[in-house]
Amino acid sequence: MQIPLQIEMQNVPRSEALETRIRESAARLEHLHARITSCRVAVDETDKHHRHGRQFRVKVDVRLPGHEEAASTLQHHEDVYVALRDAFDAVRRQLEDAGKRVP
């Protein structure tokens, strides 16, 4: 089964490579928890800082049956791929913890 995935990008040019990385990361979550009902990934560029340059914000929301929000995280970084990796790593840890609590 493939997770229903919604990708939103604001102030970030569409990139096939970035969308592919998002799809691959979401697919890996399915191996952690087979009952994921949806995954929403929002990527945007926050206000530019004259000292730090561009800042990207990645938010990942994952839902499971019976849970309004099973796992969610928001990560910031100068590199969009690092922010994406960190966001999915945090969600992965939350899903692993949730799986340990389920009888």
C-alpha atoms as a PDB file:
ATOM      1  CA  MET A   1       0.000   0.000   0.000  1.00  0.00           C
ATOM      2  CA  GLN A   2       1.209   3.497  -0.738  1.00  0.00           C
ATOM      3  CA  ILE A   3       0.749   6.249   1.840  1.00  0.00           C
ATOM      4  CA  PRO A   4      -1.498   9.100   0.665  1.00  0.00           C
ATOM      5  CA  LEU A   5       1.019  11.927   0.403  1.00  0.00           C
ATOM      6  CA  GLN A   6       0.421  15.657   0.121  1.00  0.00           C
ATOM      7  CA  ILE A   7       3.377  17.904  -0.731  1.00  0.00           C
ATOM      8  CA  GLU A   8       3.144  21.677  -0.387  1.00  0.00           C
ATOM      9  CA  MET A   9       5.892  24.100  -1.346  1.00  0.00           C
ATOM     10  CA  GLN A  10       5.802  27.828  -0.687  1.00  0.00           C
ATOM     11  CA  ASN A  11       8.496  30.272  -1.720  1.00  0.00           C
ATOM     12  CA  VAL A  12      10.512  27.278  -2.927  1.00  0.00           C
ATOM     13  CA  PRO A  13      10.899  26.493  -6.629  1.00  0.00           C
ATOM     14  CA  ARG A  14       9.491  23.102  -7.639  1.00  0.00           C
ATOM     15  CA  SER A  15      12.247  20.543  -7.825  1.00  0.00           C
ATOM     16  CA  GLU A  16      11.858  16.986  -9.082  1.00  0.00           C
ATOM     17  CA  ALA A  17      14.828  15.925  -6.941  1.00  0.00           C
ATOM     18  CA  LEU A  18      13.280  17.392  -3.782  1.00  0.00           C
ATOM     19  CA  GLU A  19       9.877  15.839  -4.488  1.00  0.00           C
ATOM     20  CA  THR A  20      11.533  12.466  -5.136  1.00  0.00           C
ATOM     21  CA  ARG A  21      13.386  12.687  -1.807  1.00  0.00           C
ATOM     22  CA  ILE A  22      10.123  13.509  -0.025  1.00  0.00           C
ATOM     23  CA  ARG A  23       8.338  10.548  -1.650  1.00  0.00           C
ATOM     24  CA  GLU A  24      11.200   8.176  -0.740  1.00  0.00           C
ATOM     25  CA  SER A  25      11.255   9.402   2.868  1.00  0.00           C
ATOM     26  CA  ALA A  26       7.481   9.009   3.201  1.00  0.00           C
ATOM     27  CA  ALA A  27       7.647   5.494   1.723  1.00  0.00           C
ATOM     28  CA  ARG A  28      10.208   4.508   4.368  1.00  0.00           C
ATOM     29  CA  LEU A  29       7.750   5.544   7.084  1.00  0.00           C
ATOM     30  CA  GLU A  30       5.320   2.934   5.792  1.00  0.00           C
ATOM     31  CA  HIS A  31       7.768   0.202   6.818  1.00  0.00           C
ATOM     32  CA  LEU A  32       7.641   1.533  10.388  1.00  0.00           C
ATOM     33  CA  HIS A  33       3.894   1.652  10.701  1.00  0.00           C
ATOM     34  CA  ALA A  34       1.632  -0.022   8.145  1.00  0.00           C
ATOM     35  CA  ARG A  35      -1.502   1.826   9.256  1.00  0.00           C
ATOM     36  CA  ILE A  36      -0.479   5.374   8.301  1.00  0.00           C
ATOM     37  CA  THR A  37      -3.518   7.035   6.749  1.00  0.00           C
ATOM     38  CA  SER A  38      -1.838  10.173   5.431  1.00  0.00           C
ATOM     39  CA  CYS A  39       1.371  12.140   5.311  1.00  0.00           C
ATOM     40  CA  ARG A  40       1.578  15.878   4.661  1.00  0.00           C
ATOM     41  CA  VAL A  41       4.895  17.596   3.978  1.00  0.00           C
ATOM     42  CA  ALA A  42       5.147  21.385   3.801  1.00  0.00           C
ATOM     43  CA  VAL A  43       8.374  23.015   2.642  1.00  0.00           C
ATOM     44  CA  ASP A  44       8.902  26.745   2.637  1.00  0.00           C
ATOM     45  CA  GLU A  45      11.632  29.321   2.730  1.00  0.00           C
ATOM     46  CA  THR A  46      11.376  31.635   5.691  1.00  0.00           C
ATOM     47  CA  ASP A  47      12.460  35.267   5.645  1.00  0.00           C
ATOM     48  CA  LYS A  48      16.010  35.658   4.498  1.00  0.00           C
ATOM     49  CA  HIS A  49      18.491  36.606   7.197  1.00  0.00           C
ATOM     50  CA  HIS A  50      21.266  38.890   6.022  1.00  0.00           C
ATOM     51  CA  ARG A  51      23.809  37.034   8.158  1.00  0.00           C
ATOM     52  CA  HIS A  52      22.641  33.464   7.716  1.00  0.00           C
ATOM     53  CA  GLY A  53      21.237  33.514   4.200  1.00  0.00           C
ATOM     54  CA  ARG A  54      18.289  31.343   3.298  1.00  0.00           C
ATOM     55  CA  GLN A  55      16.420  29.349   5.917  1.00  0.00           C
ATOM     56  CA  PHE A  56      14.131  26.473   5.005  1.00  0.00           C
ATOM     57  CA  ARG A  57      11.319  25.159   7.156  1.00  0.00           C
ATOM     58  CA  VAL A  58      10.008  21.612   6.730  1.00  0.00           C
ATOM     59  CA  LYS A  59       6.903  20.373   8.537  1.00  0.00           C
ATOM     60  CA  VAL A  60       5.854  16.732   8.389  1.00  0.00           C
ATOM     61  CA  ASP A  61       2.467  15.590   9.725  1.00  0.00           C
ATOM     62  CA  VAL A  62       1.546  11.903   9.849  1.00  0.00           C
ATOM     63  CA  ARG A  63      -1.853  10.535  10.787  1.00  0.00           C
ATOM     64  CA  LEU A  64      -2.892   7.081  12.001  1.00  0.00           C
ATOM     65  CA  PRO A  65      -6.418   5.662  12.406  1.00  0.00           C
ATOM     66  CA  GLY A  66      -7.948   6.964  15.614  1.00  0.00           C
ATOM     67  CA  HIS A  67      -5.299   9.680  16.032  1.00  0.00           C
ATOM     68  CA  GLU A  68      -5.824  13.249  14.950  1.00  0.00           C
ATOM     69  CA  GLU A  69      -2.074  13.682  14.668  1.00  0.00           C
ATOM     70  CA  ALA A  70       0.193  10.705  15.291  1.00  0.00           C
ATOM     71  CA  ALA A  71       3.493  12.410  14.590  1.00  0.00           C
ATOM     72  CA  SER A  72       4.459  15.909  13.638  1.00  0.00           C
ATOM     73  CA  THR A  73       7.611  17.970  13.527  1.00  0.00           C
ATOM     74  CA  LEU A  74       8.940  21.256  12.269  1.00  0.00           C
ATOM     75  CA  GLN A  75      12.614  21.660  11.355  1.00  0.00           C
ATOM     76  CA  HIS A  76      14.641  24.666  10.177  1.00  0.00           C
ATOM     77  CA  HIS A  77      17.969  24.655   8.343  1.00  0.00           C
ATOM     78  CA  GLU A  78      19.929  26.514   5.683  1.00  0.00           C
ATOM     79  CA  ASP A  79      19.920  23.379   3.519  1.00  0.00           C
ATOM     80  CA  VAL A  80      16.462  22.159   2.524  1.00  0.00           C
ATOM     81  CA  TYR A  81      17.654  18.537   2.326  1.00  0.00           C
ATOM     82  CA  VAL A  82      19.063  18.655   5.879  1.00  0.00           C
ATOM     83  CA  ALA A  83      15.805  20.141   7.177  1.00  0.00           C
ATOM     84  CA  LEU A  84      13.890  17.403   5.333  1.00  0.00           C
ATOM     85  CA  ARG A  85      16.103  14.645   6.740  1.00  0.00           C
ATOM     86  CA  ASP A  86      15.832  15.990  10.282  1.00  0.00           C
ATOM     87  CA  ALA A  87      12.050  16.330  10.030  1.00  0.00           C
ATOM     88  CA  PHE A  88      11.564  12.758   8.805  1.00  0.00           C
ATOM     89  CA  ASP A  89      14.021  11.440  11.426  1.00  0.00           C
ATOM     90  CA  ALA A  90      12.002  13.123  14.183  1.00  0.00           C
ATOM     91  CA  VAL A  91       8.718  11.707  12.841  1.00  0.00           C
ATOM     92  CA  ARG A  92      10.318   8.275  12.515  1.00  0.00           C
ATOM     93  CA  ARG A  93      11.337   8.377  16.209  1.00  0.00           C
ATOM     94  CA  GLN A  94       7.810   9.442  17.213  1.00  0.00           C
ATOM     95  CA  LEU A  95       6.272   6.571  15.246  1.00  0.00           C
ATOM     96  CA  GLU A  96       8.737   4.091  16.768  1.00  0.00           C
ATOM     97  CA  ASP A  97       7.816   5.322  20.264  1.00  0.00           C
ATOM     98  CA  ALA A  98       4.105   5.114  19.448  1.00  0.00           C
ATOM     99  CA  GLY A  99       4.580   1.562  18.185  1.00  0.00           C
ATOM    100  CA  LYS A 100       6.203   0.518  21.461  1.00  0.00           C
ATOM    101  CA  ARG A 101       3.198   1.792  23.431  1.00  0.00           C
ATOM    102  CA  VAL A 102       0.622  -0.080  21.349  1.00  0.00           C
ATOM    103  CA  PRO A 103      -0.321  -3.446  23.004  1.00  0.00           C
END
